Structure formats: structure tokens, C-alpha cells
Amino acid sequence: MKRFLSVLQILSILAAIAVMPSVAQAFGRGNAQPELTTVPYVDLNRYLGRWYEISSIPQSFQKGCTATRATYTANSDGTIGVLNECNLNSIDGKLKQANGKAKVVDTTTNAKLKVSFFWPFYGDYWIVDLGSNYEYAAVGAPNRDYLWILSRNTTMDELTYNEILERMTAKGFDVSRLVKQVQP
């Protein structure tokens, strides 16, 4: 019984740490920003498939990643399978993979999801921009610490990319933090 309580205590501490940024923002210590808006609707069947990272705000879990891509598949339980892949340190580097799953948390728009690569921890995955033909997407989080610009192709024309940056700036993202990804 003592061991069970220790595990429970550890999980409680981890849960408290996970919500600290939200609490700090609610009490005005965070960066006051308007509520982040998503796209009005996402057809998840059209969203499934392979996406290539064009740029992102660097994250520790992506350190050393090159040629980053994500593949989304429909699971029989209604969740979405997530396979993130990259090559370490170069286009020809060792393949790194992470398997996870996403669940829709706003079924009206399908634009707000939670993604987990390590249960029971989930992160926000909000689709905040999307091409009319699902040719590009911008994915972020309400705290604006995460932002990925994705494309169905390994490249994106500069005009489209700059238009996305303008929209992300208007949504409160610091686009100066974005780093372009090397793709084959």
C-alpha cells in the first residue's frame, strides 16, 4: 500500500506541474493574450496522411531532428494514430520515430485535439490555419509555446509561407522563433 501511495503522490505532483503555466496565466503572471482561435472546421479524413514540417518553434523533444514528418491514421476506437519521424542530425541520419495518439476534444470543429506520446500526459494540438485543399496547416497551442507549419509537400513557396506567418503573428505567435526545417 505504501508503494501505491508513492506512485499516486508522484502522479499528483506531475499533474500539478503540468497545469502551472495555465494557472500562472490565469492569475496574470503570464503573457496576456487573446484567446487563440482555430479554423472553423477540419474534415479529419482529409487531414489524415503524411505532413512535412516546414518550420517550427524548436522543442527539446525534436533536438537533432532533420526531415521531420508526421503521419496521421484513423484508429478503430475513434482516435487518430500519430507517427512522428525524423532523421537525426542529417537527411541521411538515423531514423527516429515516436508513436502516439490524438483525440478530438472539440467535436464541433475537430480543430482542437490532445496528443499523447506518453500516457497519461496529453498536449494541445490546435489546428489554427489550414489550406482550402488541405495542402498546408499551422498547428499550435493556446500558450503559443508550440507552432508547426506543415505541408503535404517537402517545400512551400515563399508567398504562401509569408502569408501564414502574417496570420500567425496576428494570432499572437512569435514567428521570429520559427526555425525552418531541412527536407529532402
Protein backbone atom coordinates (compact mmCIF):
# COMPACT_ATOMS: atom_id res chain seq x y z
CA MET A 1 0.00 0.00 0.00
CA LYS A 2 2.85 2.35 0.78
CA ARG A 3 4.25 1.98 -2.74
CA PHE A 4 0.83 2.75 -4.27
CA LEU A 5 0.65 5.98 -2.31
CA SER A 6 4.11 6.95 -3.52
CA VAL A 7 3.08 6.45 -7.14
CA LEU A 8 -0.13 8.38 -6.53
CA GLN A 9 1.83 11.20 -4.92
CA ILE A 10 4.24 11.31 -7.85
CA LEU A 11 1.39 11.46 -10.36
CA SER A 12 -0.25 14.26 -8.33
CA ILE A 13 2.96 16.27 -8.36
CA LEU A 14 3.41 15.75 -12.11
CA ALA A 15 -0.19 16.80 -12.74
CA ALA A 16 0.30 19.94 -10.65
CA ILE A 17 3.44 20.83 -12.58
CA ALA A 18 1.61 20.33 -15.89
CA VAL A 19 -1.11 22.87 -15.03
CA MET A 20 1.20 25.52 -13.52
CA PRO A 21 1.58 27.54 -16.76
CA SER A 22 -2.21 27.72 -17.16
CA VAL A 23 -2.67 28.79 -13.55
CA ALA A 24 0.05 31.44 -13.83
CA GLN A 25 -1.57 32.86 -16.95
CA ALA A 26 -4.99 32.88 -15.30
CA PHE A 27 -3.60 34.98 -12.45
CA GLY A 28 -1.98 37.48 -14.77
CA ARG A 29 1.64 36.40 -14.42
CA GLY A 30 1.70 35.02 -17.95
CA ASN A 31 1.71 36.91 -21.20
CA ALA A 32 -1.82 38.35 -21.58
CA GLN A 33 -3.04 37.26 -25.00
CA PRO A 34 -6.44 36.99 -26.58
CA GLU A 35 -7.92 33.52 -26.76
CA LEU A 36 -6.38 31.51 -29.59
CA THR A 37 -8.82 30.76 -32.38
CA THR A 38 -8.75 27.65 -34.53
CA VAL A 39 -10.01 27.06 -38.03
CA PRO A 40 -13.82 26.76 -38.19
CA TYR A 41 -13.87 23.09 -39.19
CA VAL A 42 -11.49 20.22 -40.03
CA ASP A 43 -12.56 17.22 -42.10
CA LEU A 44 -10.42 14.67 -40.27
CA ASN A 45 -10.49 12.22 -43.18
CA ARG A 46 -8.90 14.87 -45.39
CA TYR A 47 -6.41 15.78 -42.65
CA LEU A 48 -5.14 12.20 -42.30
CA GLY A 49 -1.98 11.21 -44.12
CA ARG A 50 1.59 12.49 -44.36
CA TRP A 51 2.64 16.03 -43.43
CA TYR A 52 6.13 17.54 -43.69
CA GLU A 53 7.41 20.10 -41.21
CA ILE A 54 8.37 23.32 -42.97
CA SER A 55 9.24 25.19 -39.77
CA SER A 56 8.59 25.09 -36.06
CA ILE A 57 9.37 26.71 -32.75
CA PRO A 58 12.19 24.45 -31.53
CA GLN A 59 11.25 21.90 -28.87
CA SER A 60 13.60 19.78 -26.78
CA PHE A 61 11.96 16.55 -27.94
CA GLN A 62 12.88 17.41 -31.54
CA LYS A 63 16.54 18.15 -30.83
CA GLY A 64 18.74 16.99 -33.70
CA CYS A 65 15.77 16.27 -35.97
CA THR A 66 16.03 16.78 -39.72
CA ALA A 67 13.46 15.95 -42.41
CA THR A 68 10.70 15.84 -39.79
CA ARG A 69 7.36 14.43 -40.86
CA ALA A 70 4.13 13.22 -39.28
CA THR A 71 1.67 10.61 -40.48
CA TYR A 72 -1.87 10.53 -39.13
CA THR A 73 -4.12 7.47 -39.42
CA ALA A 74 -7.64 6.65 -38.24
CA ASN A 75 -7.81 4.19 -35.34
CA SER A 76 -10.80 1.85 -34.89
CA ASP A 77 -11.58 3.41 -31.48
CA GLY A 78 -12.12 6.88 -32.99
CA THR A 79 -8.70 8.24 -32.03
CA ILE A 80 -6.01 9.23 -34.50
CA GLY A 81 -2.73 7.36 -34.73
CA VAL A 82 0.28 9.67 -34.81
CA LEU A 83 3.67 8.63 -36.16
CA ASN A 84 6.32 11.33 -35.91
CA GLU A 85 9.57 10.64 -37.72
CA CYS A 86 12.82 12.44 -38.35
CA ASN A 87 16.39 11.72 -39.29
CA LEU A 88 18.94 12.61 -36.63
CA ASN A 89 21.45 15.34 -37.45
CA SER A 90 21.25 14.98 -41.25
CA ILE A 91 18.94 13.94 -44.05
CA ASP A 92 20.70 10.57 -44.12
CA GLY A 93 20.90 10.27 -40.33
CA LYS A 94 19.46 7.54 -38.16
CA LEU A 95 15.66 7.31 -38.22
CA LYS A 96 13.93 8.42 -35.01
CA GLN A 97 10.25 7.54 -34.52
CA ALA A 98 7.64 8.37 -31.91
CA ASN A 99 4.21 6.75 -31.87
CA GLY A 100 1.29 8.42 -30.19
CA LYS A 101 -2.39 9.04 -30.47
CA ALA A 102 -4.64 12.04 -30.68
CA LYS A 103 -8.20 12.54 -29.56
CA VAL A 104 -10.59 15.25 -30.67
CA VAL A 105 -11.68 17.46 -27.77
CA ASP A 106 -13.91 19.82 -29.77
CA THR A 107 -16.21 17.76 -32.00
CA THR A 108 -17.94 20.86 -33.36
CA THR A 109 -14.81 21.98 -35.22
CA ASN A 110 -12.48 18.94 -34.97
CA ALA A 111 -9.73 21.58 -34.76
CA LYS A 112 -8.82 21.08 -31.09
CA LEU A 113 -7.10 17.83 -30.29
CA LYS A 114 -4.99 16.42 -27.49
CA VAL A 115 -1.95 14.33 -28.42
CA SER A 116 -0.14 11.85 -26.21
CA PHE A 117 3.15 10.08 -26.74
CA PHE A 118 3.42 9.11 -23.09
CA TRP A 119 0.20 8.24 -21.26
CA PRO A 120 -1.32 9.83 -19.19
CA PHE A 121 0.15 13.12 -20.45
CA TYR A 122 -1.54 14.95 -23.32
CA GLY A 123 -0.56 18.16 -25.10
CA ASP A 124 -2.69 20.61 -27.02
CA TYR A 125 -2.74 20.22 -30.80
CA TRP A 126 -4.85 23.03 -32.22
CA ILE A 127 -5.20 23.49 -35.97
CA VAL A 128 -5.04 27.26 -36.28
CA ASP A 129 -4.62 27.59 -40.06
CA LEU A 130 -5.45 25.24 -42.89
CA GLY A 131 -5.26 25.48 -46.67
CA SER A 132 -8.55 25.17 -48.54
CA ASN A 133 -7.26 21.98 -50.18
CA TYR A 134 -5.52 20.74 -47.03
CA GLU A 135 -2.19 21.49 -48.68
CA TYR A 136 -0.79 23.24 -45.59
CA ALA A 137 -1.60 23.57 -41.91
CA ALA A 138 -0.39 25.51 -38.90
CA VAL A 139 -0.66 23.75 -35.56
CA GLY A 140 -0.16 25.43 -32.21
CA ALA A 141 -1.15 25.56 -28.59
CA PRO A 142 -3.11 28.19 -26.64
CA ASN A 143 0.02 29.26 -24.72
CA ARG A 144 1.74 29.92 -28.08
CA ASP A 145 4.86 27.98 -26.99
CA TYR A 146 4.32 25.48 -29.82
CA LEU A 147 3.90 26.19 -33.51
CA TRP A 148 4.44 23.94 -36.50
CA ILE A 149 3.99 24.97 -40.13
CA LEU A 150 3.20 21.80 -42.09
CA SER A 151 2.84 20.98 -45.77
CA ARG A 152 1.80 17.99 -47.83
CA ASN A 153 4.99 18.62 -49.82
CA THR A 154 8.58 18.87 -48.65
CA THR A 155 8.69 22.50 -49.78
CA MET A 156 6.40 25.51 -49.59
CA ASP A 157 6.50 28.60 -51.79
CA GLU A 158 7.64 31.77 -50.02
CA LEU A 159 4.42 33.70 -50.72
CA THR A 160 2.27 31.06 -49.01
CA TYR A 161 4.76 30.74 -46.15
CA ASN A 162 4.86 34.51 -45.56
CA GLU A 163 1.06 34.73 -45.63
CA ILE A 164 0.89 32.01 -42.96
CA LEU A 165 3.46 33.92 -40.88
CA GLU A 166 1.33 37.06 -41.07
CA ARG A 167 -1.73 35.15 -39.84
CA MET A 168 0.26 33.51 -37.04
CA THR A 169 1.62 36.89 -35.95
CA ALA A 170 -1.96 38.21 -35.82
CA LYS A 171 -2.85 35.22 -33.61
CA GLY A 172 -0.11 36.16 -31.13
CA PHE A 173 2.68 33.75 -32.09
CA ASP A 174 6.28 34.99 -32.05
CA VAL A 175 7.19 33.88 -35.57
CA SER A 176 10.76 35.10 -35.10
CA ARG A 177 11.28 31.91 -33.04
CA LEU A 178 10.41 29.66 -36.02
CA VAL A 179 13.27 27.63 -37.48
CA LYS A 180 12.97 26.25 -40.99
CA GLN A 181 13.31 22.50 -41.33
CA VAL A 182 15.62 20.79 -43.82
CA GLN A 183 13.68 18.37 -46.02
CA PRO A 184 14.96 16.13 -48.83
